[in-house]
Protein backbone atom coordinates (compact mmCIF):
# COMPACT_ATOMS: atom_id res chain seq x y z
CA UNK A 1 0.00 0.00 0.00
CA UNK A 2 1.38 3.39 -1.02
CA UNK A 3 2.25 5.89 1.74
CA UNK A 4 0.38 8.86 0.27
CA UNK A 5 0.75 10.79 3.53
CA UNK A 6 4.45 11.27 2.75
CA UNK A 7 3.89 13.26 -0.46
CA UNK A 8 6.43 16.11 -0.08
CA UNK A 9 4.26 18.41 -2.24
CA UNK A 10 1.27 18.12 0.06
CA UNK A 11 0.26 21.21 2.04
CA UNK A 12 -2.21 21.53 4.89
CA UNK A 13 -4.98 24.07 5.39
CA UNK A 14 -3.74 24.29 8.97
CA UNK A 15 -0.91 26.81 9.31
CA UNK A 16 2.55 25.22 9.64
CA UNK A 17 5.60 27.39 10.25
CA UNK A 18 8.69 26.80 8.10
CA UNK A 19 11.01 24.39 9.89
CA UNK A 20 8.31 23.00 12.17
CA UNK A 21 8.83 19.43 13.39
CA UNK A 22 5.23 18.52 12.57
CA UNK A 23 4.29 19.24 8.94
CA UNK A 24 1.40 17.33 7.37
CA UNK A 25 3.93 14.70 6.20
CA UNK A 26 4.65 13.72 9.82
CA UNK A 27 1.30 12.80 11.44
CA UNK A 28 2.66 11.34 14.68
CA UNK A 29 0.48 9.76 17.36
CA UNK A 30 0.08 10.67 21.02
CA UNK A 31 -2.34 10.84 23.93
CA UNK A 32 -3.56 14.06 25.53
CA UNK A 33 -6.17 15.63 27.78
CA UNK A 34 -8.27 18.27 26.04
CA UNK A 35 -9.29 21.57 27.62
CA UNK A 36 -12.63 19.83 28.35
CA UNK A 37 -10.78 17.21 30.47
CA UNK A 38 -11.30 14.43 27.94
CA UNK A 39 -8.49 11.91 27.39
CA UNK A 40 -8.09 11.06 23.73
CA UNK A 41 -5.65 9.69 21.20
CA UNK A 42 -4.54 12.31 18.73
CA UNK A 43 -2.12 13.55 16.15
CA UNK A 44 -0.44 16.87 15.50
CA UNK A 45 -0.02 19.21 12.55
CA UNK A 46 1.93 22.41 13.17
CA UNK A 47 0.82 23.88 16.50
CA UNK A 48 -2.50 22.04 16.42
CA UNK A 49 -3.46 18.89 18.34
CA UNK A 50 -6.11 16.83 16.57
CA UNK A 51 -8.59 14.72 18.55
CA UNK A 52 -8.81 11.43 16.65
CA UNK A 53 -11.59 10.16 18.92
CA UNK A 54 -13.87 12.98 17.77
CA UNK A 55 -12.52 12.72 14.22
CA UNK A 56 -13.56 9.03 14.15
CA UNK A 57 -16.98 9.61 15.77
CA UNK A 58 -17.81 12.24 13.17
CA UNK A 59 -17.19 9.78 10.32
CA UNK A 60 -13.85 10.89 8.92
CA UNK A 61 -12.47 7.33 9.06
CA UNK A 62 -15.45 5.79 7.27
CA UNK A 63 -14.38 2.80 5.16
CA UNK A 64 -11.43 1.92 7.41
CA UNK A 65 -12.14 -1.11 9.66
CA UNK A 66 -11.68 0.40 13.15
CA UNK A 67 -13.45 -0.36 16.41
CA UNK A 68 -15.66 2.45 17.72
CA UNK A 69 -13.42 3.12 20.72
CA UNK A 70 -10.00 2.63 19.10
CA UNK A 71 -9.06 6.30 19.67
CA UNK A 72 -11.07 6.86 22.85
CA UNK A 73 -8.48 5.30 25.13
CA UNK A 74 -5.66 6.40 27.40
CA UNK A 75 -2.93 4.61 25.43
CA UNK A 76 -2.04 3.72 21.85
CA UNK A 77 -1.53 0.02 22.62
CA UNK A 78 -4.70 -1.29 20.93
CA UNK A 79 -4.15 0.87 17.84
CA UNK A 80 -0.56 -0.31 17.63
CA UNK A 81 -1.69 -3.94 17.95
CA UNK A 82 -3.86 -3.52 14.82
CA UNK A 83 -0.76 -3.60 12.63
CA UNK A 84 0.90 -1.74 9.79
CA UNK A 85 -2.02 -1.85 7.35
CA UNK A 86 -4.24 0.03 9.82
CA UNK A 87 -1.50 2.52 10.72
CA UNK A 88 -0.95 3.34 7.06
CA UNK A 89 -4.67 3.65 6.22
CA UNK A 90 -5.19 6.00 9.16
CA UNK A 91 -2.20 8.23 8.36
CA UNK A 92 -3.18 8.43 4.70
CA UNK A 93 -6.76 9.41 5.59
CA UNK A 94 -5.65 12.11 8.06
CA UNK A 95 -3.33 13.55 5.41
CA UNK A 96 -6.16 13.59 2.87
CA UNK A 97 -8.65 15.33 5.19
CA UNK A 98 -6.17 18.01 6.21
CA UNK A 99 -4.87 18.55 2.67
CA UNK A 100 -5.35 22.14 1.53
CA UNK A 101 -7.44 20.93 -1.42
CA UNK A 102 -9.93 19.03 0.79
CA UNK A 103 -12.80 21.26 1.97
CA UNK A 104 -14.81 18.62 3.90
CA UNK A 105 -13.56 19.44 7.40
CA UNK A 106 -11.94 22.70 6.40
CA UNK A 107 -15.37 24.30 5.83
CA UNK A 108 -17.16 22.63 8.77
CA UNK A 109 -16.84 25.04 11.69
CA UNK A 110 -18.78 22.87 14.20
CA UNK A 111 -16.60 19.83 13.54
CA UNK A 112 -13.39 21.84 13.73
CA UNK A 113 -14.38 23.13 17.18
CA UNK A 114 -14.42 19.61 18.66
CA UNK A 115 -11.57 18.11 16.65
CA UNK A 116 -8.83 20.77 16.56
CA UNK A 117 -7.08 22.31 19.59
CA UNK A 118 -4.17 24.65 20.16
CA UNK A 119 -1.37 22.27 21.18
CA UNK A 120 -0.55 24.59 24.10
CA UNK A 121 -4.05 24.04 25.51
CA UNK A 122 -3.74 20.26 25.84
CA UNK A 123 -1.81 18.21 28.38
CA UNK A 124 0.34 15.49 26.85
CA UNK A 125 0.29 12.08 28.52
CA UNK A 126 2.47 8.99 28.21
CA UNK A 127 1.49 7.69 24.75
CA UNK A 128 1.73 3.98 25.56
CA UNK A 129 1.20 1.67 28.46
CA UNK A 130 4.75 0.34 28.65
CA UNK A 131 4.60 -3.39 29.37
CA UNK A 132 8.34 -3.96 29.08
CA UNK A 133 11.32 -1.69 28.59
CA UNK A 134 14.61 -2.98 27.21
CA UNK A 135 17.66 -0.78 26.74
CA UNK A 136 20.48 -1.68 24.37
CA UNK A 137 24.16 -0.65 24.22
CA UNK A 138 24.54 -0.15 20.48
CA UNK A 139 26.88 2.80 19.89
CA UNK A 140 30.43 1.68 19.18
CA UNK A 141 31.78 5.11 20.09
CA UNK A 142 29.93 5.15 23.41
CA UNK A 143 31.04 1.62 24.27
CA UNK A 144 34.63 2.52 23.42
CA UNK A 145 34.54 5.70 25.51
CA UNK A 146 33.09 3.93 28.55
CA UNK A 147 35.72 1.21 28.30
CA UNK A 148 38.50 3.80 28.13
CA UNK A 149 37.11 5.91 30.98
CA UNK A 150 36.88 2.97 33.34
CA UNK A 151 39.98 1.20 31.95
CA UNK A 152 37.97 -1.98 31.55
CA UNK A 153 40.42 -3.71 29.25
CA UNK A 154 43.21 -3.18 26.74
CA UNK A 155 40.88 -3.72 23.79
CA UNK A 156 38.16 -1.02 23.75
CA UNK A 157 35.32 -3.49 23.11
CA UNK A 158 34.60 -6.93 24.42
CA UNK A 159 34.48 -9.69 21.84
CA UNK A 160 30.77 -10.26 22.57
CA UNK A 161 29.82 -6.62 21.82
CA UNK A 162 31.04 -6.86 18.24
CA UNK A 163 28.98 -10.01 17.59
CA UNK A 164 25.60 -9.14 19.07
CA UNK A 165 23.62 -6.15 20.37
CA UNK A 166 23.97 -6.14 24.15
CA UNK A 167 21.03 -5.01 26.26
CA UNK A 168 19.43 -5.15 29.67
CA UNK A 169 15.88 -5.10 30.99
CA UNK A 170 14.99 -1.84 32.68
CA UNK A 171 12.01 -0.58 34.66
CA UNK A 172 8.79 0.13 32.73
CA UNK A 173 6.90 1.71 35.64
CA UNK A 174 9.21 4.73 35.85
CA UNK A 175 9.02 5.66 32.16
CA UNK A 176 7.50 9.17 32.08
CA UNK A 177 6.42 11.61 29.41
CA UNK A 178 8.46 14.67 28.45
CA UNK A 179 8.05 17.55 30.88
CA UNK A 180 7.73 15.38 33.98
CA UNK A 181 10.07 16.63 36.76
CA UNK A 182 12.81 14.19 37.81
CA UNK A 183 13.57 13.69 41.50
CA UNK A 184 17.22 13.23 42.40
CA UNK A 185 17.36 9.60 43.60
CA UNK A 186 18.56 8.27 46.93
CA UNK A 187 20.96 5.38 47.15
CA UNK A 188 24.28 4.06 48.33
CA UNK A 189 27.54 5.52 47.07
CA UNK A 190 31.16 5.13 48.03
CA UNK A 191 33.70 7.87 47.61
CA UNK A 192 37.42 7.46 47.12
CA UNK A 193 39.10 6.73 50.45
CA UNK A 194 35.91 5.63 52.19
CA UNK A 195 35.78 2.21 53.84
CA UNK A 196 32.01 1.89 53.74
CA UNK A 197 29.24 3.19 51.48
CA UNK A 198 27.12 6.15 52.55
CA UNK A 199 23.40 6.66 52.01
CA UNK A 200 21.98 9.83 50.56
CA UNK A 201 21.08 11.74 47.38
CA UNK A 202 23.05 10.82 44.26
CA UNK A 203 25.57 13.51 43.28
CA UNK A 204 26.23 12.43 39.69
CA UNK A 205 22.99 12.76 37.71
CA UNK A 206 23.59 12.18 34.02
CA UNK A 207 21.57 12.15 30.80
CA UNK A 208 21.74 9.46 28.17
CA UNK A 209 20.94 10.69 24.67
CA UNK A 210 18.87 7.92 23.12
CA UNK A 211 15.96 7.08 20.89
CA UNK A 212 13.57 4.17 21.34
CA UNK A 213 11.23 2.22 19.13
CA UNK A 214 7.77 0.93 20.00
CA UNK A 215 6.73 -2.56 18.93
CA UNK A 216 3.48 -4.21 17.98
CA UNK A 217 2.60 -7.82 18.91
CA UNK A 218 5.74 -9.26 17.38
CA UNK A 219 5.85 -12.98 18.07
CA UNK A 220 4.39 -15.84 20.04
CA UNK A 221 6.14 -17.07 23.16
CA UNK A 222 8.96 -19.42 22.16
CA UNK A 223 9.12 -18.34 18.49
CA UNK A 224 11.91 -15.99 17.31
CA UNK A 225 11.26 -13.31 14.71
CA UNK A 226 13.27 -13.38 11.47
CA UNK A 227 15.32 -10.28 10.66
CA UNK A 228 13.46 -9.91 7.35
CA UNK A 229 10.19 -9.55 9.29
CA UNK A 230 11.39 -7.35 12.14
CA UNK A 231 10.74 -4.00 10.44
CA UNK A 232 7.04 -4.77 9.94
CA UNK A 233 6.63 -5.03 13.71
CA UNK A 234 8.03 -1.60 14.61
CA UNK A 235 5.35 1.09 14.95
CA UNK A 236 7.48 4.18 15.43
CA UNK A 237 10.13 6.02 17.40
CA UNK A 238 10.49 8.48 20.27
CA UNK A 239 13.34 10.42 21.83
CA UNK A 240 14.51 8.92 25.11
CA UNK A 241 16.61 10.11 28.04
CA UNK A 242 17.61 7.17 30.22
CA UNK A 243 18.63 9.17 33.27
CA UNK A 244 21.57 7.74 35.20
CA UNK A 245 22.99 8.21 38.69
CA UNK A 246 26.63 7.46 37.95
CA UNK A 247 27.82 7.32 41.56
CA UNK A 248 25.09 4.83 42.50
CA UNK A 249 25.82 2.92 39.29
CA UNK A 250 29.50 2.63 40.17
CA UNK A 251 28.67 1.15 43.57
CA UNK A 252 26.03 -1.36 42.44
CA UNK A 253 27.54 -2.56 39.16
CA UNK A 254 30.03 -4.94 40.77
CA UNK A 255 29.45 -7.62 39.59
CA UNK A 256 25.87 -7.14 38.31
CA UNK A 257 24.47 -4.45 36.06
CA UNK A 258 22.73 -1.16 36.88
CA UNK A 259 19.65 -1.24 39.12
CA UNK A 260 18.65 1.80 41.23
CA UNK A 261 21.00 3.97 39.18
CA UNK A 262 18.75 3.61 36.12
CA UNK A 263 15.29 2.63 37.34
CA UNK A 264 14.42 5.96 39.02
CA UNK A 265 13.35 7.62 35.73
CA UNK A 266 13.35 7.36 31.95
CA UNK A 267 11.84 10.19 29.89
CA UNK A 268 10.34 9.80 26.41
CA UNK A 269 8.99 12.41 24.00
CA UNK A 270 5.20 12.72 23.80
CA UNK A 271 4.65 12.05 20.09
CA UNK A 272 5.48 8.72 18.45
CA UNK A 273 6.77 9.32 14.93
CA UNK A 274 5.88 6.37 12.69
CA UNK A 275 8.42 4.42 10.68
CA UNK A 276 6.36 5.30 7.60
CA UNK A 277 6.99 9.00 8.23
CA UNK A 278 10.72 8.32 8.59
CA UNK A 279 10.95 6.31 5.36
CA UNK A 280 12.36 9.23 3.25
CA UNK A 281 15.29 9.53 5.67
CA UNK A 282 16.64 5.99 5.52
CA UNK A 283 20.41 5.76 5.14
CA UNK A 284 23.36 3.46 5.65
CA UNK A 285 24.80 2.94 9.09
CA UNK A 286 28.36 2.00 10.07
CA UNK A 287 29.97 -0.89 8.22
CA UNK A 288 29.55 -4.11 10.17
CA UNK A 289 32.03 -6.98 10.32
CA UNK A 290 31.72 -10.60 11.44
CA UNK A 291 27.95 -10.39 11.91
CA UNK A 292 26.41 -13.72 12.89
CA UNK A 293 24.11 -14.95 10.11
CA UNK A 294 20.76 -14.49 11.90
CA UNK A 295 21.59 -10.77 12.31
CA UNK A 296 22.63 -10.09 8.70
CA UNK A 297 20.63 -7.55 6.68
CA UNK A 298 19.72 -8.06 3.05
CA UNK A 299 19.65 -4.32 2.27
CA UNK A 300 22.21 -1.58 2.91
CA UNK A 301 19.93 1.26 4.05
CA UNK A 302 18.99 0.06 7.51
CA UNK A 303 19.48 3.22 9.55
CA UNK A 304 17.95 6.72 9.64
CA UNK A 305 19.48 10.17 9.39
CA UNK A 306 18.08 11.65 12.62
CA UNK A 307 19.91 14.70 13.94
CA UNK A 308 20.03 14.78 17.74
CA UNK A 309 20.89 17.71 20.01
CA UNK A 310 21.14 18.09 23.78
CA UNK A 311 20.88 21.25 25.90
CA UNK A 312 20.72 22.26 29.54
CA UNK A 313 18.64 25.22 30.65
CA UNK A 314 20.04 26.55 33.91
CA UNK A 315 17.83 28.04 36.66
CA UNK A 316 18.60 31.57 35.40
CA UNK A 317 17.02 30.76 32.01
CA UNK A 318 20.20 30.34 29.94
CA UNK A 319 20.00 27.55 27.37
CA UNK A 320 23.39 25.90 26.82
CA UNK A 321 24.12 23.54 23.94
CA UNK A 322 25.87 20.38 25.12
CA UNK A 323 26.22 18.05 22.14
CA UNK A 324 25.10 17.12 18.62
CA UNK A 325 24.92 13.52 17.46
CA UNK A 326 23.06 11.42 14.91
CA UNK A 327 21.05 8.22 15.10
CA UNK A 328 22.94 6.84 12.09
CA UNK A 329 26.03 6.57 14.30
CA UNK A 330 24.54 3.47 15.94
CA UNK A 331 26.39 0.27 15.05
CA UNK A 332 23.49 -2.11 15.73
CA UNK A 333 20.19 -1.37 13.96
CA UNK A 334 16.65 -1.51 15.34
CA UNK A 335 15.80 -4.61 13.32
CA UNK A 336 18.92 -6.36 14.60
CA UNK A 337 17.99 -5.39 18.16
CA UNK A 338 14.46 -6.74 17.77
CA UNK A 339 15.67 -9.93 16.09
CA UNK A 340 18.23 -10.57 18.80
CA UNK A 341 15.68 -9.75 21.51
CA UNK A 342 13.41 -12.57 20.32
CA UNK A 343 16.00 -15.12 19.16
CA UNK A 344 15.70 -17.02 22.45
CA UNK A 345 11.90 -17.13 22.15
CA UNK A 346 11.18 -14.04 24.25
CA UNK A 347 7.83 -12.62 23.21
CA UNK A 348 7.48 -8.89 22.52
CA UNK A 349 4.10 -7.18 22.81
CA UNK A 350 2.33 -4.07 21.55
CA UNK A 351 3.60 -1.01 23.40
CA UNK A 352 6.95 -2.47 24.43
CA UNK A 353 9.72 0.13 24.47
CA UNK A 354 13.16 -0.73 23.08
CA UNK A 355 15.90 1.84 23.78
CA UNK A 356 18.90 2.37 21.51
CA UNK A 357 21.43 2.97 24.27
CA UNK A 358 23.47 6.18 24.42
CA UNK A 359 24.15 7.57 20.94
CA UNK A 360 27.63 9.06 20.68
CA UNK A 361 29.62 10.15 17.65
CA UNK A 362 33.35 10.17 16.98
CA UNK A 363 34.03 13.74 18.17
CA UNK A 364 33.77 15.15 21.68
CA UNK A 365 30.91 17.50 20.83
CA UNK A 366 28.88 14.47 19.65
CA UNK A 367 29.05 12.46 22.89
CA UNK A 368 25.68 11.52 24.34
CA UNK A 369 26.33 11.68 28.08
CA UNK A 370 27.96 13.95 30.61
CA UNK A 371 30.13 11.00 31.61
CA UNK A 372 31.79 11.27 28.19
CA UNK A 373 31.49 15.03 27.66
CA UNK A 374 33.39 15.73 30.89
CA UNK A 375 35.43 12.52 30.70
CA UNK A 376 34.24 11.34 34.10
CA UNK A 377 34.54 14.80 35.70
CA UNK A 378 38.12 15.42 34.53
CA UNK A 379 37.07 18.13 32.03
CA UNK A 380 34.18 20.25 33.42
CA UNK A 381 31.95 22.15 30.99
CA UNK A 382 31.72 25.94 31.41
CA UNK A 383 28.23 27.37 30.83
CA UNK A 384 27.09 30.83 29.71
CA UNK A 385 26.73 32.14 33.25
CA UNK A 386 30.29 31.10 34.11
CA UNK A 387 29.25 28.14 36.23
CA UNK A 388 30.58 24.67 35.45
CA UNK A 389 29.05 21.23 35.23
CA UNK A 390 30.42 17.74 35.44
CA UNK A 391 26.97 16.34 36.15
CA UNK A 392 23.59 18.07 36.50
CA UNK A 393 22.51 20.19 39.46
CA UNK A 394 19.07 20.67 40.99
CA UNK A 395 17.07 23.09 38.87
CA UNK A 396 18.81 22.13 35.64
CA UNK A 397 16.35 21.49 32.81
CA UNK A 398 17.75 18.90 30.37
CA UNK A 399 16.44 19.04 26.80
CA UNK A 400 16.83 16.59 23.91
CA UNK A 401 15.66 17.47 20.39
CA UNK A 402 15.65 15.33 17.27
CA UNK A 403 14.65 15.78 13.64
CA UNK A 404 15.26 14.57 10.08
CA UNK A 405 15.77 17.00 7.22
CA UNK A 406 16.52 16.66 3.52
CA UNK A 407 15.26 17.93 0.16
CA UNK A 408 11.88 16.28 0.82
CA UNK A 409 11.28 18.23 4.02
CA UNK A 410 11.63 18.01 7.76
CA UNK A 411 10.17 15.52 10.23
CA UNK A 412 10.78 16.04 13.93
CA UNK A 413 10.06 14.54 17.32
CA UNK A 414 9.56 17.72 19.34
CA UNK A 415 11.29 17.76 22.72
CA UNK A 416 12.21 15.28 25.42
CA UNK A 417 12.69 17.26 28.64
CA UNK A 418 12.99 16.90 32.38
CA UNK A 419 13.87 19.30 35.20
CA UNK A 420 15.87 17.92 38.11
CA UNK A 421 14.31 18.43 41.53
CA UNK A 422 15.96 17.90 44.93
CA UNK A 423 15.79 14.45 46.48
CA UNK A 424 12.86 13.71 48.78
CA UNK A 425 13.53 14.06 52.49
CA UNK A 426 14.04 10.66 54.04
CA UNK A 427 14.35 9.98 57.76
CA UNK A 428 16.56 7.02 58.49
CA UNK A 429 15.29 4.49 61.05
CA UNK A 430 16.71 5.00 64.52
């Protein structure tokens, strides 16, 4: 089925500023509360949020086999479970109705009043009910930097990393939508020269510049998915910040992996951008060597040219650029990650969140974490107000942005943000 929604010549009768992340060719999906306190599934064009529940009730999806309540829910899980054919039909229809040449809704004032909202008048919610959250470790540059910083070995990468995408299962319950404040976590840390760990607020709060993809019902329990089928089971992508408490992580990662240092919060952007919308921005990723056969791609263009930028807004209002990276830097692709995830028979369900891992490039200004940008606190960053950072302070507002742009246009994700609040007060037992 043709993706007519992607027509780069299409224009909307809704106003869209030049350079906006959400032209009519995007049509992402999210969940929001309207000014009338109604929770609905919606999409966005320009600075307008579109209530797809009302859109459906008023007959604009006639001819597409959808349940009556498919968009009148508090998550996208059921819509995602319907599969790619439904996603494509829905996006194509939305694009047609909002095309500048289509007068059906454009000239219907009563319908527009209940369907279209100023995006600043709605409250964005978590778009999916996250059943499981897996985070990978797929950037060769990031893995190399971490190995060098912690002097893990003479060779920068373990032999296993170069043969398979490494990942770990993280906490789904603490995945939050962009804009949610982040409490500094409590935990155990041990400073140099101390004999015993101390309990208290983490001092080393870090970002991790990532993206994530959202799956549909991929496979039955016990049955792996083939790499040639993996793409069909990916609904779309979000920006992701997998917050880290590096001092807690250092203490608890001997010999196991991260636990409290990661599970306190993970932020995702509010709008899920579909893989169909990203199709014009496919590109080649890094050259891969010695890939085990079940992870080998048939085609070369298996990555996406997604520009990623990180900023910190300090309490005085200054916005400081921290780094610029690109999704195409990732060594392991999304389809390889999903294939490897299921190769042991693990079943993946609609609404599962699969993180890319920190996305770093080859130059210092493209590193995706403060751990790398400050080289584990050895090289502090000086901000506009003259203050320095090795890790983030209370009141810092961390911002991730991402977008694709070429001759066919621009598709963006909006923002993925979180402001760091002080730790909760905790009275130790006597």
